[in-house]
Amino acid sequence: MKQRKIPLRKCVITNERVPKKELIRVVRTPEGQVEVDLTGKKNGRGAYVSKTKQVILKAKKTKKLDRHLEVSVPEEIYDELLQIIEQQ
């Protein structure tokens, strides 16, 4: 039997390639809004972030998500990411 291919994505903060399910996608919609995409299927430009508190805090400090999404990411998005991590 063939093994299924596991989709890998790259965390924009750590530059590690890991399975897609171990990352959270943040997306800039065509309207210019920034949202957390838990389904991984929302329309727009996406950036993947690891599910660790240190990585989220580093993203907030270095503003790397702002550069990848080419828009200013609001504080509420970082708060939402931290809440998602704490719930898991």
PDB file of N, CA and C in Angstrom:
ATOM      1  N   MET A   1       0.818  -1.189   0.000  1.00  0.00           N
ATOM      2  CA  MET A   1       0.000   0.000   0.000  1.00  0.00           C
ATOM      3  C   MET A   1       0.862   1.253   0.000  1.00  0.00           C
ATOM      4  N   LYS A   2       0.450   2.257  -0.738  1.00  0.00           N
ATOM      5  CA  LYS A   2       1.175   3.521  -0.785  1.00  0.00           C
ATOM      6  C   LYS A   2       0.944   4.311   0.492  1.00  0.00           C
ATOM      7  N   GLN A   3       2.005   4.959   0.968  1.00  0.00           N
ATOM      8  CA  GLN A   3       1.843   5.852   2.099  1.00  0.00           C
ATOM      9  C   GLN A   3       1.402   7.213   1.588  1.00  0.00           C
ATOM     10  N   ARG A   4       0.511   7.845   2.343  1.00  0.00           N
ATOM     11  CA  ARG A   4       0.055   9.174   1.953  1.00  0.00           C
ATOM     12  C   ARG A   4       1.143  10.192   2.218  1.00  0.00           C
ATOM     13  N   LYS A   5       1.225  11.147   1.331  1.00  0.00           N
ATOM     14  CA  LYS A   5       2.194  12.220   1.484  1.00  0.00           C
ATOM     15  C   LYS A   5       1.690  13.204   2.545  1.00  0.00           C
ATOM     16  N   ILE A   6       2.540  13.525   3.514  1.00  0.00           N
ATOM     17  CA  ILE A   6       2.178  14.481   4.553  1.00  0.00           C
ATOM     18  C   ILE A   6       2.603  15.869   4.089  1.00  0.00           C
ATOM     19  N   PRO A   7       1.636  16.807   3.979  1.00  0.00           N
ATOM     20  CA  PRO A   7       2.000  18.151   3.524  1.00  0.00           C
ATOM     21  C   PRO A   7       2.855  18.883   4.558  1.00  0.00           C
ATOM     22  N   LEU A   8       3.987  19.405   4.115  1.00  0.00           N
ATOM     23  CA  LEU A   8       4.876  20.165   4.987  1.00  0.00           C
ATOM     24  C   LEU A   8       4.743  21.644   4.684  1.00  0.00           C
ATOM     25  N   ARG A   9       4.841  22.467   5.723  1.00  0.00           N
ATOM     26  CA  ARG A   9       4.829  23.913   5.569  1.00  0.00           C
ATOM     27  C   ARG A   9       5.972  24.482   6.403  1.00  0.00           C
ATOM     28  N   LYS A  10       6.356  25.696   6.088  1.00  0.00           N
ATOM     29  CA  LYS A  10       7.492  26.327   6.751  1.00  0.00           C
ATOM     30  C   LYS A  10       7.001  27.411   7.700  1.00  0.00           C
ATOM     31  N   CYS A  11       7.448  27.352   8.937  1.00  0.00           N
ATOM     32  CA  CYS A  11       7.127  28.399   9.913  1.00  0.00           C
ATOM     33  C   CYS A  11       7.923  29.641   9.521  1.00  0.00           C
ATOM     34  N   VAL A  12       7.245  30.797   9.421  1.00  0.00           N
ATOM     35  CA  VAL A  12       7.916  32.019   8.974  1.00  0.00           C
ATOM     36  C   VAL A  12       8.858  32.585  10.036  1.00  0.00           C
ATOM     37  N   ILE A  13       8.726  32.149  11.278  1.00  0.00           N
ATOM     38  CA  ILE A  13       9.565  32.649  12.364  1.00  0.00           C
ATOM     39  C   ILE A  13      10.811  31.788  12.535  1.00  0.00           C
ATOM     40  N   THR A  14      10.623  30.458  12.642  1.00  0.00           N
ATOM     41  CA  THR A  14      11.751  29.558  12.901  1.00  0.00           C
ATOM     42  C   THR A  14      12.374  28.987  11.635  1.00  0.00           C
ATOM     43  N   ASN A  15      11.699  29.126  10.493  1.00  0.00           N
ATOM     44  CA  ASN A  15      12.138  28.561   9.209  1.00  0.00           C
ATOM     45  C   ASN A  15      12.261  27.041   9.229  1.00  0.00           C
ATOM     46  N   GLU A  16      11.506  26.375  10.113  1.00  0.00           N
ATOM     47  CA  GLU A  16      11.494  24.923  10.157  1.00  0.00           C
ATOM     48  C   GLU A  16      10.354  24.399   9.295  1.00  0.00           C
ATOM     49  N   ARG A  17      10.624  23.297   8.591  1.00  0.00           N
ATOM     50  CA  ARG A  17       9.578  22.651   7.806  1.00  0.00           C
ATOM     51  C   ARG A  17       8.977  21.547   8.666  1.00  0.00           C
ATOM     52  N   VAL A  18       7.687  21.672   8.954  1.00  0.00           N
ATOM     53  CA  VAL A  18       6.982  20.706   9.795  1.00  0.00           C
ATOM     54  C   VAL A  18       5.636  20.375   9.157  1.00  0.00           C
ATOM     55  N   PRO A  19       4.994  19.261   9.586  1.00  0.00           N
ATOM     56  CA  PRO A  19       3.670  18.945   9.035  1.00  0.00           C
ATOM     57  C   PRO A  19       2.678  20.086   9.258  1.00  0.00           C
ATOM     58  N   LYS A  20       1.817  20.274   8.284  1.00  0.00           N
ATOM     59  CA  LYS A  20       0.861  21.385   8.269  1.00  0.00           C
ATOM     60  C   LYS A  20      -0.013  21.420   9.528  1.00  0.00           C
ATOM     61  N   LYS A  21      -0.347  20.256  10.080  1.00  0.00           N
ATOM     62  CA  LYS A  21      -1.224  20.190  11.251  1.00  0.00           C
ATOM     63  C   LYS A  21      -0.560  20.730  12.517  1.00  0.00           C
ATOM     64  N   GLU A  22       0.752  20.855  12.520  1.00  0.00           N
ATOM     65  CA  GLU A  22       1.469  21.359  13.692  1.00  0.00           C
ATOM     66  C   GLU A  22       1.669  22.870  13.647  1.00  0.00           C
ATOM     67  N   LEU A  23       1.060  23.531  12.666  1.00  0.00           N
ATOM     68  CA  LEU A  23       1.204  24.975  12.506  1.00  0.00           C
ATOM     69  C   LEU A  23      -0.162  25.653  12.521  1.00  0.00           C
ATOM     70  N   ILE A  24      -0.152  26.950  12.761  1.00  0.00           N
ATOM     71  CA  ILE A  24      -1.361  27.769  12.676  1.00  0.00           C
ATOM     72  C   ILE A  24      -1.180  28.727  11.509  1.00  0.00           C
ATOM     73  N   ARG A  25      -2.212  28.873  10.692  1.00  0.00           N
ATOM     74  CA  ARG A  25      -2.146  29.764   9.538  1.00  0.00           C
ATOM     75  C   ARG A  25      -2.783  31.103   9.881  1.00  0.00           C
ATOM     76  N   VAL A  26      -2.071  32.170   9.573  1.00  0.00           N
ATOM     77  CA  VAL A  26      -2.597  33.520   9.696  1.00  0.00           C
ATOM     78  C   VAL A  26      -2.729  34.036   8.269  1.00  0.00           C
ATOM     79  N   VAL A  27      -3.894  34.595   7.942  1.00  0.00           N
ATOM     80  CA  VAL A  27      -4.174  34.965   6.557  1.00  0.00           C
ATOM     81  C   VAL A  27      -4.575  36.433   6.441  1.00  0.00           C
ATOM     82  N   ARG A  28      -4.105  37.056   5.351  1.00  0.00           N
ATOM     83  CA  ARG A  28      -4.577  38.399   4.989  1.00  0.00           C
ATOM     84  C   ARG A  28      -5.597  38.206   3.875  1.00  0.00           C
ATOM     85  N   THR A  29      -6.835  38.582   4.151  1.00  0.00           N
ATOM     86  CA  THR A  29      -7.908  38.388   3.181  1.00  0.00           C
ATOM     87  C   THR A  29      -7.761  39.376   2.027  1.00  0.00           C
ATOM     88  N   PRO A  30      -8.437  39.114   0.904  1.00  0.00           N
ATOM     89  CA  PRO A  30      -8.383  40.075  -0.217  1.00  0.00           C
ATOM     90  C   PRO A  30      -8.861  41.474   0.162  1.00  0.00           C
ATOM     91  N   GLU A  31      -9.673  41.579   1.224  1.00  0.00           N
ATOM     92  CA  GLU A  31     -10.144  42.885   1.702  1.00  0.00           C
ATOM     93  C   GLU A  31      -9.096  43.603   2.548  1.00  0.00           C
ATOM     94  N   GLY A  32      -8.015  42.901   2.910  1.00  0.00           N
ATOM     95  CA  GLY A  32      -6.949  43.507   3.694  1.00  0.00           C
ATOM     96  C   GLY A  32      -7.039  43.248   5.181  1.00  0.00           C
ATOM     97  N   GLN A  33      -7.983  42.432   5.626  1.00  0.00           N
ATOM     98  CA  GLN A  33      -8.112  42.102   7.045  1.00  0.00           C
ATOM     99  C   GLN A  33      -7.208  40.917   7.378  1.00  0.00           C
ATOM    100  N   VAL A  34      -6.714  40.879   8.608  1.00  0.00           N
ATOM    101  CA  VAL A  34      -5.884  39.772   9.068  1.00  0.00           C
ATOM    102  C   VAL A  34      -6.720  38.889   9.982  1.00  0.00           C
ATOM    103  N   GLU A  35      -6.698  37.575   9.740  1.00  0.00           N
ATOM    104  CA  GLU A  35      -7.483  36.630  10.518  1.00  0.00           C
ATOM    105  C   GLU A  35      -6.666  35.382  10.794  1.00  0.00           C
ATOM    106  N   VAL A  36      -7.029  34.680  11.871  1.00  0.00           N
ATOM    107  CA  VAL A  36      -6.439  33.378  12.159  1.00  0.00           C
ATOM    108  C   VAL A  36      -7.277  32.347  11.413  1.00  0.00           C
ATOM    109  N   ASP A  37      -6.616  31.479  10.653  1.00  0.00           N
ATOM    110  CA  ASP A  37      -7.293  30.489   9.814  1.00  0.00           C
ATOM    111  C   ASP A  37      -7.017  29.094  10.358  1.00  0.00           C
ATOM    112  N   LEU A  38      -7.941  28.570  11.161  1.00  0.00           N
ATOM    113  CA  LEU A  38      -7.751  27.235  11.729  1.00  0.00           C
ATOM    114  C   LEU A  38      -8.056  26.130  10.724  1.00  0.00           C
ATOM    115  N   THR A  39      -8.844  26.429   9.685  1.00  0.00           N
ATOM    116  CA  THR A  39      -9.173  25.420   8.677  1.00  0.00           C
ATOM    117  C   THR A  39      -8.062  25.275   7.640  1.00  0.00           C
ATOM    118  N   GLY A  40      -7.276  26.332   7.439  1.00  0.00           N
ATOM    119  CA  GLY A  40      -6.216  26.296   6.441  1.00  0.00           C
ATOM    120  C   GLY A  40      -6.709  26.483   5.022  1.00  0.00           C
ATOM    121  N   LYS A  41      -7.965  26.911   4.865  1.00  0.00           N
ATOM    122  CA  LYS A  41      -8.543  27.000   3.529  1.00  0.00           C
ATOM    123  C   LYS A  41      -9.088  28.379   3.182  1.00  0.00           C
ATOM    124  N   LYS A  42      -8.928  29.356   4.060  1.00  0.00           N
ATOM    125  CA  LYS A  42      -9.457  30.687   3.772  1.00  0.00           C
ATOM    126  C   LYS A  42      -8.722  31.311   2.597  1.00  0.00           C
ATOM    127  N   ASN A  43      -9.429  32.168   1.896  1.00  0.00           N
ATOM    128  CA  ASN A  43      -8.891  32.838   0.733  1.00  0.00           C
ATOM    129  C   ASN A  43      -7.940  33.958   1.169  1.00  0.00           C
ATOM    130  N   GLY A  44      -6.803  34.088   0.509  1.00  0.00           N
ATOM    131  CA  GLY A  44      -5.884  35.179   0.808  1.00  0.00           C
ATOM    132  C   GLY A  44      -4.457  34.706   0.987  1.00  0.00           C
ATOM    133  N   ARG A  45      -3.593  35.651   1.328  1.00  0.00           N
ATOM    134  CA  ARG A  45      -2.177  35.370   1.518  1.00  0.00           C
ATOM    135  C   ARG A  45      -1.969  34.838   2.936  1.00  0.00           C
ATOM    136  N   GLY A  46      -1.342  33.689   3.052  1.00  0.00           N
ATOM    137  CA  GLY A  46      -1.174  33.055   4.355  1.00  0.00           C
ATOM    138  C   GLY A  46       0.267  32.969   4.799  1.00  0.00           C
ATOM    139  N   ALA A  47       0.439  32.879   6.106  1.00  0.00           N
ATOM    140  CA  ALA A  47       1.747  32.660   6.715  1.00  0.00           C
ATOM    141  C   ALA A  47       1.546  31.675   7.861  1.00  0.00           C
ATOM    142  N   TYR A  48       2.446  30.725   7.993  1.00  0.00           N
ATOM    143  CA  TYR A  48       2.327  29.694   9.016  1.00  0.00           C
ATOM    144  C   TYR A  48       3.237  29.995  10.196  1.00  0.00           C
ATOM    145  N   VAL A  49       2.716  29.710  11.406  1.00  0.00           N
ATOM    146  CA  VAL A  49       3.444  29.965  12.649  1.00  0.00           C
ATOM    147  C   VAL A  49       3.348  28.711  13.512  1.00  0.00           C
ATOM    148  N   SER A  50       4.452  28.334  14.160  1.00  0.00           N
ATOM    149  CA  SER A  50       4.466  27.172  15.049  1.00  0.00           C
ATOM    150  C   SER A  50       3.552  27.383  16.241  1.00  0.00           C
ATOM    151  N   LYS A  51       3.072  26.278  16.805  1.00  0.00           N
ATOM    152  CA  LYS A  51       2.141  26.342  17.933  1.00  0.00           C
ATOM    153  C   LYS A  51       2.875  26.377  19.271  1.00  0.00           C
ATOM    154  N   THR A  52       3.801  27.310  19.425  1.00  0.00           N
ATOM    155  CA  THR A  52       4.466  27.475  20.716  1.00  0.00           C
ATOM    156  C   THR A  52       4.402  28.932  21.138  1.00  0.00           C
ATOM    157  N   LYS A  53       4.338  29.132  22.449  1.00  0.00           N
ATOM    158  CA  LYS A  53       4.194  30.483  22.987  1.00  0.00           C
ATOM    159  C   LYS A  53       5.416  31.346  22.648  1.00  0.00           C
ATOM    160  N   GLN A  54       6.628  30.744  22.712  1.00  0.00           N
ATOM    161  CA  GLN A  54       7.857  31.489  22.426  1.00  0.00           C
ATOM    162  C   GLN A  54       7.858  32.021  20.995  1.00  0.00           C
ATOM    163  N   VAL A  55       7.386  31.212  20.059  1.00  0.00           N
ATOM    164  CA  VAL A  55       7.378  31.612  18.649  1.00  0.00           C
ATOM    165  C   VAL A  55       6.398  32.765  18.426  1.00  0.00           C
ATOM    166  N   ILE A  56       5.229  32.694  19.065  1.00  0.00           N
ATOM    167  CA  ILE A  56       4.234  33.760  18.917  1.00  0.00           C
ATOM    168  C   ILE A  56       4.778  35.070  19.488  1.00  0.00           C
ATOM    169  N   LEU A  57       5.410  34.996  20.651  1.00  0.00           N
ATOM    170  CA  LEU A  57       5.976  36.198  21.265  1.00  0.00           C
ATOM    171  C   LEU A  57       7.108  36.774  20.414  1.00  0.00           C
ATOM    172  N   LYS A  58       7.914  35.893  19.810  1.00  0.00           N
ATOM    173  CA  LYS A  58       8.992  36.348  18.926  1.00  0.00           C
ATOM    174  C   LYS A  58       8.416  37.016  17.674  1.00  0.00           C
ATOM    175  N   ALA A  59       7.328  36.454  17.143  1.00  0.00           N
ATOM    176  CA  ALA A  59       6.673  37.043  15.969  1.00  0.00           C
ATOM    177  C   ALA A  59       6.155  38.435  16.291  1.00  0.00           C
ATOM    178  N   LYS A  60       5.610  38.587  17.486  1.00  0.00           N
ATOM    179  CA  LYS A  60       5.085  39.885  17.923  1.00  0.00           C
ATOM    180  C   LYS A  60       6.212  40.904  18.068  1.00  0.00           C
ATOM    181  N   LYS A  61       7.332  40.451  18.618  1.00  0.00           N
ATOM    182  CA  LYS A  61       8.465  41.343  18.867  1.00  0.00           C
ATOM    183  C   LYS A  61       9.160  41.766  17.570  1.00  0.00           C
ATOM    184  N   THR A  62       9.390  40.823  16.662  1.00  0.00           N
ATOM    185  CA  THR A  62      10.152  41.109  15.445  1.00  0.00           C
ATOM    186  C   THR A  62       9.294  41.620  14.294  1.00  0.00           C
ATOM    187  N   LYS A  63       7.955  41.495  14.418  1.00  0.00           N
ATOM    188  CA  LYS A  63       7.010  41.936  13.384  1.00  0.00           C
ATOM    189  C   LYS A  63       7.246  41.233  12.036  1.00  0.00           C
ATOM    190  N   LYS A  64       7.687  39.969  12.110  1.00  0.00           N
ATOM    191  CA  LYS A  64       7.915  39.198  10.883  1.00  0.00           C
ATOM    192  C   LYS A  64       6.606  38.889  10.158  1.00  0.00           C
ATOM    193  N   LEU A  65       5.538  38.686  10.920  1.00  0.00           N
ATOM    194  CA  LEU A  65       4.240  38.430  10.284  1.00  0.00           C
ATOM    195  C   LEU A  65       3.794  39.634   9.466  1.00  0.00           C
ATOM    196  N   ASP A  66       4.081  40.833   9.971  1.00  0.00           N
ATOM    197  CA  ASP A  66       3.730  42.051   9.236  1.00  0.00           C
ATOM    198  C   ASP A  66       4.388  42.047   7.860  1.00  0.00           C
ATOM    199  N   ARG A  67       5.657  41.653   7.818  1.00  0.00           N
ATOM    200  CA  ARG A  67       6.401  41.653   6.553  1.00  0.00           C
ATOM    201  C   ARG A  67       5.890  40.571   5.606  1.00  0.00           C
ATOM    202  N   HIS A  68       5.594  39.386   6.150  1.00  0.00           N
ATOM    203  CA  HIS A  68       5.126  38.294   5.283  1.00  0.00           C
ATOM    204  C   HIS A  68       3.739  38.550   4.721  1.00  0.00           C
ATOM    205  N   LEU A  69       2.872  39.154   5.535  1.00  0.00           N
ATOM    206  CA  LEU A  69       1.509  39.418   5.073  1.00  0.00           C
ATOM    207  C   LEU A  69       1.375  40.779   4.407  1.00  0.00           C
ATOM    208  N   GLU A  70       2.445  41.570   4.456  1.00  0.00           N
ATOM    209  CA  GLU A  70       2.503  42.896   3.823  1.00  0.00           C
ATOM    210  C   GLU A  70       1.413  43.832   4.342  1.00  0.00           C
ATOM    211  N   VAL A  71       1.091  43.709   5.642  1.00  0.00           N
ATOM    212  CA  VAL A  71       0.100  44.567   6.291  1.00  0.00           C
ATOM    213  C   VAL A  71       0.391  44.541   7.790  1.00  0.00           C
ATOM    214  N   SER A  72      -0.035  45.581   8.503  1.00  0.00           N
ATOM    215  CA  SER A  72       0.173  45.640   9.944  1.00  0.00           C
ATOM    216  C   SER A  72      -0.773  44.656  10.646  1.00  0.00           C
ATOM    217  N   VAL A  73      -0.200  43.754  11.445  1.00  0.00           N
ATOM    218  CA  VAL A  73      -0.993  42.746  12.155  1.00  0.00           C
ATOM    219  C   VAL A  73      -1.423  43.322  13.509  1.00  0.00           C
ATOM    220  N   PRO A  74      -2.740  43.375  13.781  1.00  0.00           N
ATOM    221  CA  PRO A  74      -3.214  43.938  15.048  1.00  0.00           C
ATOM    222  C   PRO A  74      -2.839  43.073  16.254  1.00  0.00           C
ATOM    223  N   GLU A  75      -2.780  43.695  17.429  1.00  0.00           N
ATOM    224  CA  GLU A  75      -2.443  42.997  18.683  1.00  0.00           C
ATOM    225  C   GLU A  75      -3.435  41.867  18.961  1.00  0.00           C
ATOM    226  N   GLU A  76      -4.708  42.052  18.567  1.00  0.00           N
ATOM    227  CA  GLU A  76      -5.738  41.052  18.857  1.00  0.00           C
ATOM    228  C   GLU A  76      -5.412  39.702  18.214  1.00  0.00           C
ATOM    229  N   ILE A  77      -4.743  39.719  17.074  1.00  0.00           N
ATOM    230  CA  ILE A  77      -4.388  38.472  16.383  1.00  0.00           C
ATOM    231  C   ILE A  77      -3.381  37.688  17.221  1.00  0.00           C
ATOM    232  N   TYR A  78      -2.379  38.378  17.770  1.00  0.00           N
ATOM    233  CA  TYR A  78      -1.395  37.709  18.624  1.00  0.00           C
ATOM    234  C   TYR A  78      -2.065  37.160  19.881  1.00  0.00           C
ATOM    235  N   ASP A  79      -3.006  37.928  20.462  1.00  0.00           N
ATOM    236  CA  ASP A  79      -3.737  37.463  21.638  1.00  0.00           C
ATOM    237  C   ASP A  79      -4.555  36.217  21.311  1.00  0.00           C
ATOM    238  N   GLU A  80      -5.194  36.216  20.135  1.00  0.00           N
ATOM    239  CA  GLU A  80      -5.992  35.074  19.701  1.00  0.00           C
ATOM    240  C   GLU A  80      -5.108  33.846  19.499  1.00  0.00           C
ATOM    241  N   LEU A  81      -3.922  34.032  18.911  1.00  0.00           N
ATOM    242  CA  LEU A  81      -2.982  32.914  18.721  1.00  0.00           C
ATOM    243  C   LEU A  81      -2.561  32.326  20.062  1.00  0.00           C
ATOM    244  N   LEU A  82      -2.262  33.193  21.034  1.00  0.00           N
ATOM    245  CA  LEU A  82      -1.860  32.713  22.358  1.00  0.00           C
ATOM    246  C   LEU A  82      -3.001  31.949  23.037  1.00  0.00           C
ATOM    247  N   GLN A  83      -4.244  32.402  22.870  1.00  0.00           N
ATOM    248  CA  GLN A  83      -5.397  31.705  23.433  1.00  0.00           C
ATOM    249  C   GLN A  83      -5.554  30.322  22.810  1.00  0.00           C
ATOM    250  N   ILE A  84      -5.373  30.221  21.506  1.00  0.00           N
ATOM    251  CA  ILE A  84      -5.493  28.951  20.797  1.00  0.00           C
ATOM    252  C   ILE A  84      -4.453  27.965  21.322  1.00  0.00           C
ATOM    253  N   ILE A  85      -3.239  28.434  21.537  1.00  0.00           N
ATOM    254  CA  ILE A  85      -2.161  27.573  22.025  1.00  0.00           C
ATOM    255  C   ILE A  85      -2.460  27.095  23.450  1.00  0.00           C
ATOM    256  N   GLU A  86      -2.968  27.976  24.302  1.00  0.00           N
ATOM    257  CA  GLU A  86      -3.270  27.624  25.681  1.00  0.00           C
ATOM    258  C   GLU A  86      -4.403  26.603  25.763  1.00  0.00           C
ATOM    259  N   GLN A  87      -5.347  26.627  24.829  1.00  0.00           N
ATOM    260  CA  GLN A  87      -6.472  25.702  24.844  1.00  0.00           C
ATOM    261  C   GLN A  87      -6.066  24.292  24.448  1.00  0.00           C
ATOM    262  N   GLN A  88      -4.981  24.139  23.738  1.00  0.00           N
ATOM    263  CA  GLN A  88      -4.571  22.803  23.266  1.00  0.00           C
ATOM    264  C   GLN A  88      -3.732  22.072  24.275  1.00  0.00           C
TER     265      GLN A  88
END
